[in-house]
Amino acid sequence: MKFYYVYALKLKTPDHYYVGSTPVHRFEERMREHTIHFGCKWTQRHGVDSLVGKFKCLECMSNDLEQEVTAMFVRKYGLRGVRGGDINNTRADCYDNLSYWVPRKLRKYAPPFRPC
């Protein structure tokens, strides 16, 4: 059996968070990658402040758990400040068309559309 950690990071930009997952044996290395700006684009852009949650689970459950933890953070902090799981668009125009990348149940947490 393989075990994974699903983790949540508080970022240096206020009210910004990242949720990810990695095999247990790679956790420390993955944290290092995030802190030296070699992790995902979201943590590169906003910098890592601290680890705020870590959940151990079976590999087969890690994707579902990552989606749920991401959704929980989106509900609390809004779509503008959270990325993780399938919520991973970091393009500047990502709020122009939510239908192609945000699950329907989370679209109400998106910031209002403001055309340029």
Foldseek 3Di string as FASTA:
>chain_A
DWKKKWWKFDFQPPLAIEIEMDTPVCVVVQVVCLQVLNHDPSSVVGPTDGTDDIDMDHPVCRLVVFVVVQLVSCVVRFLVRYATRQSHDDDPCCLVDVVVGPPPVRNVRHDDDDDD
